[in-house]
Amino acid sequence: MYTLLFSAHLLLQLLLLPTTATLPQDSNPGLIHAADSAFNKRYGHTPESYVIVSIRTQQLYVIRNHAIHVQYPISSSKFGTGSKKNSNQTPLGFHVVKEKFGEDIPLYGILKSRMYTGRQAEIIHEARSVNTDDVTTRILWLSGEDKGVNLGGEVDSHERFIYIHGTPEEGLIGQPASHGCIRMLNKDVIRVYDDIPVGTKVWITNQ
């Protein structure tokens, strides 16, 4: 009887897990080591909690206590990496979650200028793009941390409106497809929004 109850409890836990998130693992220790070194060099310490966005793997990693807490597939820019204004590229380097928007809007809700439009997006599950570049569900607005790299002048990530956000083009998640932002599946971006407070550091890297 105890075995049956335990098995049922375990099955329930598995069913409740996010379908697109990968649980903590030690399969990418090199990335954690590189992040720790980069944070120590830049700030003199490594935060207990931070985010890595890997362009190479098209994954967003939430790091807790020097280990991967959870990871999600993302979509960075189809135009590659770069910080210049109007380049439509994804900026590299250290960022911080400056502001968050969309707390109470419904799943797939469309935001314009960070305000809910009252409309919900039609989700595209096939690997194809559409003419619109709608921002959906939640926004985490990033600000660069390094002057001349992703902060100030023609290379300012905040002024370029670099977000982590949901997208109708869910079929393209896992490959570069955005116009500079970090796109996520809509259910995933809600989890990240709830998990990551304003002020969290974000390291966007080619590694």
C-alpha atoms as a PDB file:
ATOM      1  CA  MET A   1       0.000   0.000   0.000  1.00  0.00           C
ATOM      2  CA  TYR A   2       2.828   2.400   0.905  1.00  0.00           C
ATOM      3  CA  THR A   3       4.543   1.600  -2.416  1.00  0.00           C
ATOM      4  CA  LEU A   4       1.364   2.353  -4.339  1.00  0.00           C
ATOM      5  CA  LEU A   5       0.874   5.662  -2.541  1.00  0.00           C
ATOM      6  CA  PHE A   6       4.484   6.662  -3.125  1.00  0.00           C
ATOM      7  CA  SER A   7       4.231   5.762  -6.834  1.00  0.00           C
ATOM      8  CA  ALA A   8       1.029   7.771  -7.210  1.00  0.00           C
ATOM      9  CA  HIS A   9       2.611  10.757  -5.458  1.00  0.00           C
ATOM     10  CA  LEU A  10       5.673  10.557  -7.715  1.00  0.00           C
ATOM     11  CA  LEU A  11       3.510  10.315 -10.829  1.00  0.00           C
ATOM     12  CA  LEU A  12       1.530  13.379  -9.736  1.00  0.00           C
ATOM     13  CA  GLN A  13       4.760  15.333  -9.248  1.00  0.00           C
ATOM     14  CA  LEU A  14       5.966  14.371 -12.717  1.00  0.00           C
ATOM     15  CA  LEU A  15       2.676  15.383 -14.309  1.00  0.00           C
ATOM     16  CA  LEU A  16       2.863  18.774 -12.629  1.00  0.00           C
ATOM     17  CA  LEU A  17       6.351  19.567 -13.916  1.00  0.00           C
ATOM     18  CA  PRO A  18       6.735  22.198 -16.677  1.00  0.00           C
ATOM     19  CA  THR A  19       6.603  20.435 -20.035  1.00  0.00           C
ATOM     20  CA  THR A  20       9.361  22.496 -21.637  1.00  0.00           C
ATOM     21  CA  ALA A  21      11.637  23.118 -18.684  1.00  0.00           C
ATOM     22  CA  THR A  22      14.581  20.879 -17.943  1.00  0.00           C
ATOM     23  CA  LEU A  23      15.257  20.130 -14.291  1.00  0.00           C
ATOM     24  CA  PRO A  24      18.581  20.755 -12.532  1.00  0.00           C
ATOM     25  CA  GLN A  25      21.456  18.857 -14.060  1.00  0.00           C
ATOM     26  CA  ASP A  26      25.248  18.744 -14.139  1.00  0.00           C
ATOM     27  CA  SER A  27      25.520  18.296 -17.911  1.00  0.00           C
ATOM     28  CA  ASN A  28      26.985  21.736 -18.583  1.00  0.00           C
ATOM     29  CA  PRO A  29      29.557  22.406 -15.844  1.00  0.00           C
ATOM     30  CA  GLY A  30      31.747  24.394 -18.233  1.00  0.00           C
ATOM     31  CA  LEU A  31      29.035  27.021 -18.643  1.00  0.00           C
ATOM     32  CA  ILE A  32      28.638  27.496 -14.892  1.00  0.00           C
ATOM     33  CA  HIS A  33      32.403  27.790 -14.453  1.00  0.00           C
ATOM     34  CA  ALA A  34      32.599  30.363 -17.255  1.00  0.00           C
ATOM     35  CA  ALA A  35      29.718  32.340 -15.741  1.00  0.00           C
ATOM     36  CA  ASP A  36      31.228  32.300 -12.252  1.00  0.00           C
ATOM     37  CA  SER A  37      34.552  33.527 -13.652  1.00  0.00           C
ATOM     38  CA  ALA A  38      32.873  36.252 -15.704  1.00  0.00           C
ATOM     39  CA  PHE A  39      30.792  37.477 -12.746  1.00  0.00           C
ATOM     40  CA  ASN A  40      33.803  37.515 -10.445  1.00  0.00           C
ATOM     41  CA  LYS A  41      35.814  39.478 -12.981  1.00  0.00           C
ATOM     42  CA  ARG A  42      33.004  41.998 -13.595  1.00  0.00           C
ATOM     43  CA  TYR A  43      31.511  42.419 -10.105  1.00  0.00           C
ATOM     44  CA  GLY A  44      34.037  40.888  -7.735  1.00  0.00           C
ATOM     45  CA  HIS A  45      31.569  38.192  -6.693  1.00  0.00           C
ATOM     46  CA  THR A  46      29.016  35.772  -8.106  1.00  0.00           C
ATOM     47  CA  PRO A  47      25.330  36.260  -7.188  1.00  0.00           C
ATOM     48  CA  GLU A  48      23.522  33.384  -5.495  1.00  0.00           C
ATOM     49  CA  SER A  49      20.890  33.603  -8.224  1.00  0.00           C
ATOM     50  CA  TYR A  50      21.256  34.811 -11.801  1.00  0.00           C
ATOM     51  CA  VAL A  51      20.312  34.000 -15.392  1.00  0.00           C
ATOM     52  CA  ILE A  52      22.407  32.817 -18.320  1.00  0.00           C
ATOM     53  CA  VAL A  53      21.135  33.138 -21.889  1.00  0.00           C
ATOM     54  CA  SER A  54      23.210  30.927 -24.184  1.00  0.00           C
ATOM     55  CA  ILE A  55      23.114  31.878 -27.854  1.00  0.00           C
ATOM     56  CA  ARG A  56      24.892  28.647 -28.820  1.00  0.00           C
ATOM     57  CA  THR A  57      22.428  26.311 -27.109  1.00  0.00           C
ATOM     58  CA  GLN A  58      19.357  28.589 -27.448  1.00  0.00           C
ATOM     59  CA  GLN A  59      18.623  28.037 -23.768  1.00  0.00           C
ATOM     60  CA  LEU A  60      17.880  30.252 -20.793  1.00  0.00           C
ATOM     61  CA  TYR A  61      19.350  28.899 -17.549  1.00  0.00           C
ATOM     62  CA  VAL A  62      18.235  29.986 -14.088  1.00  0.00           C
ATOM     63  CA  ILE A  63      21.243  29.514 -11.800  1.00  0.00           C
ATOM     64  CA  ARG A  64      20.948  28.978  -8.057  1.00  0.00           C
ATOM     65  CA  ASN A  65      23.950  28.414  -5.782  1.00  0.00           C
ATOM     66  CA  HIS A  66      26.348  27.697  -8.669  1.00  0.00           C
ATOM     67  CA  ALA A  67      24.111  25.062 -10.261  1.00  0.00           C
ATOM     68  CA  ILE A  68      21.451  24.975 -12.957  1.00  0.00           C
ATOM     69  CA  HIS A  69      18.102  25.305 -11.204  1.00  0.00           C
ATOM     70  CA  VAL A  70      15.986  25.057 -14.361  1.00  0.00           C
ATOM     71  CA  GLN A  71      16.408  25.798 -18.052  1.00  0.00           C
ATOM     72  CA  TYR A  72      14.107  26.748 -20.912  1.00  0.00           C
ATOM     73  CA  PRO A  73      14.393  26.877 -24.711  1.00  0.00           C
ATOM     74  CA  ILE A  74      14.536  30.374 -26.171  1.00  0.00           C
ATOM     75  CA  SER A  75      14.885  32.161 -29.482  1.00  0.00           C
ATOM     76  CA  SER A  76      17.491  34.891 -29.947  1.00  0.00           C
ATOM     77  CA  SER A  77      17.892  37.159 -32.975  1.00  0.00           C
ATOM     78  CA  LYS A  78      17.899  35.682 -36.460  1.00  0.00           C
ATOM     79  CA  PHE A  79      20.318  38.503 -37.330  1.00  0.00           C
ATOM     80  CA  GLY A  80      22.979  37.279 -34.910  1.00  0.00           C
ATOM     81  CA  THR A  81      24.533  39.077 -31.955  1.00  0.00           C
ATOM     82  CA  GLY A  82      25.350  42.742 -31.578  1.00  0.00           C
ATOM     83  CA  SER A  83      24.451  45.825 -29.602  1.00  0.00           C
ATOM     84  CA  LYS A  84      24.105  48.566 -32.186  1.00  0.00           C
ATOM     85  CA  LYS A  85      20.848  50.485 -32.441  1.00  0.00           C
ATOM     86  CA  ASN A  86      18.548  49.318 -35.262  1.00  0.00           C
ATOM     87  CA  SER A  87      20.668  46.209 -35.865  1.00  0.00           C
ATOM     88  CA  ASN A  88      17.889  43.871 -34.690  1.00  0.00           C
ATOM     89  CA  GLN A  89      20.626  41.775 -33.085  1.00  0.00           C
ATOM     90  CA  THR A  90      20.729  40.263 -29.611  1.00  0.00           C
ATOM     91  CA  PRO A  91      23.241  42.053 -27.356  1.00  0.00           C
ATOM     92  CA  LEU A  92      25.868  40.096 -25.462  1.00  0.00           C
ATOM     93  CA  GLY A  93      27.245  40.750 -22.002  1.00  0.00           C
ATOM     94  CA  PHE A  94      25.918  41.557 -18.566  1.00  0.00           C
ATOM     95  CA  HIS A  95      22.392  42.869 -18.153  1.00  0.00           C
ATOM     96  CA  VAL A  96      19.947  43.354 -15.318  1.00  0.00           C
ATOM     97  CA  VAL A  97      16.172  42.867 -15.206  1.00  0.00           C
ATOM     98  CA  LYS A  98      15.194  46.523 -14.955  1.00  0.00           C
ATOM     99  CA  GLU A  99      11.405  46.306 -15.144  1.00  0.00           C
ATOM    100  CA  LYS A 100       8.663  43.713 -15.526  1.00  0.00           C
ATOM    101  CA  PHE A 101       5.271  44.038 -17.200  1.00  0.00           C
ATOM    102  CA  GLY A 102       2.179  41.890 -17.672  1.00  0.00           C
ATOM    103  CA  GLU A 103       1.515  40.644 -14.148  1.00  0.00           C
ATOM    104  CA  ASP A 104      -2.236  40.200 -14.527  1.00  0.00           C
ATOM    105  CA  ILE A 105      -2.782  39.781 -18.256  1.00  0.00           C
ATOM    106  CA  PRO A 106      -4.035  36.447 -19.629  1.00  0.00           C
ATOM    107  CA  LEU A 107      -1.906  33.819 -21.317  1.00  0.00           C
ATOM    108  CA  TYR A 108      -1.181  34.855 -24.933  1.00  0.00           C
ATOM    109  CA  GLY A 109      -2.279  38.434 -24.275  1.00  0.00           C
ATOM    110  CA  ILE A 110      -0.687  40.908 -26.710  1.00  0.00           C
ATOM    111  CA  LEU A 111       1.240  43.873 -25.291  1.00  0.00           C
ATOM    112  CA  LYS A 112       1.970  47.092 -27.168  1.00  0.00           C
ATOM    113  CA  SER A 113       4.302  49.598 -25.524  1.00  0.00           C
ATOM    114  CA  ARG A 114       4.153  47.256 -22.507  1.00  0.00           C
ATOM    115  CA  MET A 115       0.387  47.720 -22.148  1.00  0.00           C
ATOM    116  CA  TYR A 116      -2.193  44.972 -22.617  1.00  0.00           C
ATOM    117  CA  THR A 117      -4.174  45.538 -25.809  1.00  0.00           C
ATOM    118  CA  GLY A 118      -7.141  43.428 -24.751  1.00  0.00           C
ATOM    119  CA  ARG A 119      -6.370  40.976 -27.562  1.00  0.00           C
ATOM    120  CA  GLN A 120      -4.895  37.497 -27.475  1.00  0.00           C
ATOM    121  CA  ALA A 121      -2.492  36.117 -30.055  1.00  0.00           C
ATOM    122  CA  GLU A 122      -3.085  33.157 -32.315  1.00  0.00           C
ATOM    123  CA  ILE A 123      -0.251  30.770 -31.477  1.00  0.00           C
ATOM    124  CA  ILE A 124       1.715  29.305 -34.377  1.00  0.00           C
ATOM    125  CA  HIS A 125       3.040  25.865 -33.526  1.00  0.00           C
ATOM    126  CA  GLU A 126       4.681  25.266 -36.899  1.00  0.00           C
ATOM    127  CA  ALA A 127       8.247  26.460 -37.543  1.00  0.00           C
ATOM    128  CA  ARG A 128       7.266  29.513 -39.554  1.00  0.00           C
ATOM    129  CA  SER A 129       7.292  33.264 -39.025  1.00  0.00           C
ATOM    130  CA  VAL A 130       4.590  35.854 -39.627  1.00  0.00           C
ATOM    131  CA  ASN A 131       4.729  39.522 -40.550  1.00  0.00           C
ATOM    132  CA  THR A 132       3.866  40.749 -37.069  1.00  0.00           C
ATOM    133  CA  ASP A 133       6.366  40.655 -34.194  1.00  0.00           C
ATOM    134  CA  ASP A 134       3.902  40.566 -31.329  1.00  0.00           C
ATOM    135  CA  VAL A 135       5.053  40.574 -27.715  1.00  0.00           C
ATOM    136  CA  THR A 136       2.855  38.336 -25.598  1.00  0.00           C
ATOM    137  CA  THR A 137       2.044  37.293 -22.025  1.00  0.00           C
ATOM    138  CA  ARG A 138       4.939  38.803 -20.013  1.00  0.00           C
ATOM    139  CA  ILE A 139       7.897  41.190 -20.422  1.00  0.00           C
ATOM    140  CA  LEU A 140      11.176  41.315 -18.531  1.00  0.00           C
ATOM    141  CA  TRP A 141      12.883  44.495 -19.778  1.00  0.00           C
ATOM    142  CA  LEU A 142      16.664  44.292 -19.723  1.00  0.00           C
ATOM    143  CA  SER A 143      19.203  47.054 -19.177  1.00  0.00           C
ATOM    144  CA  GLY A 144      22.870  46.721 -20.118  1.00  0.00           C
ATOM    145  CA  GLU A 145      25.539  46.928 -17.434  1.00  0.00           C
ATOM    146  CA  ASP A 146      28.657  47.802 -19.440  1.00  0.00           C
ATOM    147  CA  LYS A 147      29.077  51.274 -20.913  1.00  0.00           C
ATOM    148  CA  GLY A 148      30.056  51.189 -24.553  1.00  0.00           C
ATOM    149  CA  VAL A 149      29.133  47.524 -24.830  1.00  0.00           C
ATOM    150  CA  ASN A 150      25.400  47.395 -24.093  1.00  0.00           C
ATOM    151  CA  LEU A 151      24.846  50.646 -22.182  1.00  0.00           C
ATOM    152  CA  GLY A 152      24.687  54.217 -23.471  1.00  0.00           C
ATOM    153  CA  GLY A 153      24.965  55.843 -26.880  1.00  0.00           C
ATOM    154  CA  GLU A 154      24.136  53.682 -29.882  1.00  0.00           C
ATOM    155  CA  VAL A 155      24.490  50.411 -27.963  1.00  0.00           C
ATOM    156  CA  ASP A 156      21.972  50.773 -25.133  1.00  0.00           C
ATOM    157  CA  SER A 157      19.969  47.583 -24.571  1.00  0.00           C
ATOM    158  CA  HIS A 158      17.255  49.327 -22.541  1.00  0.00           C
ATOM    159  CA  GLU A 159      16.775  52.017 -25.181  1.00  0.00           C
ATOM    160  CA  ARG A 160      16.666  49.256 -27.814  1.00  0.00           C
ATOM    161  CA  PHE A 161      13.779  47.631 -25.895  1.00  0.00           C
ATOM    162  CA  ILE A 162      15.549  44.323 -25.394  1.00  0.00           C
ATOM    163  CA  TYR A 163      13.043  42.095 -23.604  1.00  0.00           C
ATOM    164  CA  ILE A 164      12.627  38.551 -22.469  1.00  0.00           C
ATOM    165  CA  HIS A 165       9.049  37.945 -23.608  1.00  0.00           C
ATOM    166  CA  GLY A 166       6.469  35.523 -24.927  1.00  0.00           C
ATOM    167  CA  THR A 167       5.801  35.111 -28.646  1.00  0.00           C
ATOM    168  CA  PRO A 168       3.040  33.793 -30.918  1.00  0.00           C
ATOM    169  CA  GLU A 169       5.734  32.032 -32.995  1.00  0.00           C
ATOM    170  CA  GLU A 170       6.178  29.154 -30.571  1.00  0.00           C
ATOM    171  CA  GLY A 171       7.146  26.769 -33.369  1.00  0.00           C
ATOM    172  CA  LEU A 172      10.401  28.700 -33.827  1.00  0.00           C
ATOM    173  CA  ILE A 173      11.515  28.484 -30.203  1.00  0.00           C
ATOM    174  CA  GLY A 174      14.860  26.705 -29.996  1.00  0.00           C
ATOM    175  CA  GLN A 175      16.343  28.479 -33.014  1.00  0.00           C
ATOM    176  CA  PRO A 176      17.340  32.100 -33.746  1.00  0.00           C
ATOM    177  CA  ALA A 177      14.214  33.865 -35.003  1.00  0.00           C
ATOM    178  CA  SER A 178      13.681  37.135 -33.100  1.00  0.00           C
ATOM    179  CA  HIS A 179      14.455  40.753 -33.939  1.00  0.00           C
ATOM    180  CA  GLY A 180      16.830  41.159 -30.991  1.00  0.00           C
ATOM    181  CA  CYS A 181      14.818  40.108 -27.960  1.00  0.00           C
ATOM    182  CA  ILE A 182      14.864  36.793 -26.128  1.00  0.00           C
ATOM    183  CA  ARG A 183      11.655  34.991 -27.012  1.00  0.00           C
ATOM    184  CA  MET A 184      10.165  32.236 -24.881  1.00  0.00           C
ATOM    185  CA  LEU A 185       7.183  29.922 -24.925  1.00  0.00           C
ATOM    186  CA  ASN A 186       4.325  31.753 -23.255  1.00  0.00           C
ATOM    187  CA  LYS A 187       3.874  29.327 -20.367  1.00  0.00           C
ATOM    188  CA  ASP A 188       7.624  29.378 -19.772  1.00  0.00           C
ATOM    189  CA  VAL A 189       7.887  33.160 -19.664  1.00  0.00           C
ATOM    190  CA  ILE A 190       5.235  33.236 -16.935  1.00  0.00           C
ATOM    191  CA  ARG A 191       7.359  30.865 -14.857  1.00  0.00           C
ATOM    192  CA  VAL A 192      10.480  32.951 -15.407  1.00  0.00           C
ATOM    193  CA  TYR A 193       8.553  36.163 -14.666  1.00  0.00           C
ATOM    194  CA  ASP A 194       7.364  34.708 -11.364  1.00  0.00           C
ATOM    195  CA  ASP A 195      10.784  33.250 -10.528  1.00  0.00           C
ATOM    196  CA  ILE A 196      13.057  36.169 -11.394  1.00  0.00           C
ATOM    197  CA  PRO A 197      12.759  39.460  -9.460  1.00  0.00           C
ATOM    198  CA  VAL A 198      13.675  42.897 -10.745  1.00  0.00           C
ATOM    199  CA  GLY A 199      17.392  43.387 -10.190  1.00  0.00           C
ATOM    200  CA  THR A 200      18.398  39.875 -11.252  1.00  0.00           C
ATOM    201  CA  LYS A 201      21.589  39.775 -13.314  1.00  0.00           C
ATOM    202  CA  VAL A 202      21.424  38.266 -16.798  1.00  0.00           C
ATOM    203  CA  TRP A 203      24.531  37.160 -18.697  1.00  0.00           C
ATOM    204  CA  ILE A 204      23.977  36.791 -22.443  1.00  0.00           C
ATOM    205  CA  THR A 205      26.803  34.779 -23.955  1.00  0.00           C
ATOM    206  CA  ASN A 206      27.815  32.927 -27.114  1.00  0.00           C
ATOM    207  CA  GLN A 207      28.918  29.979 -24.960  1.00  0.00           C
END
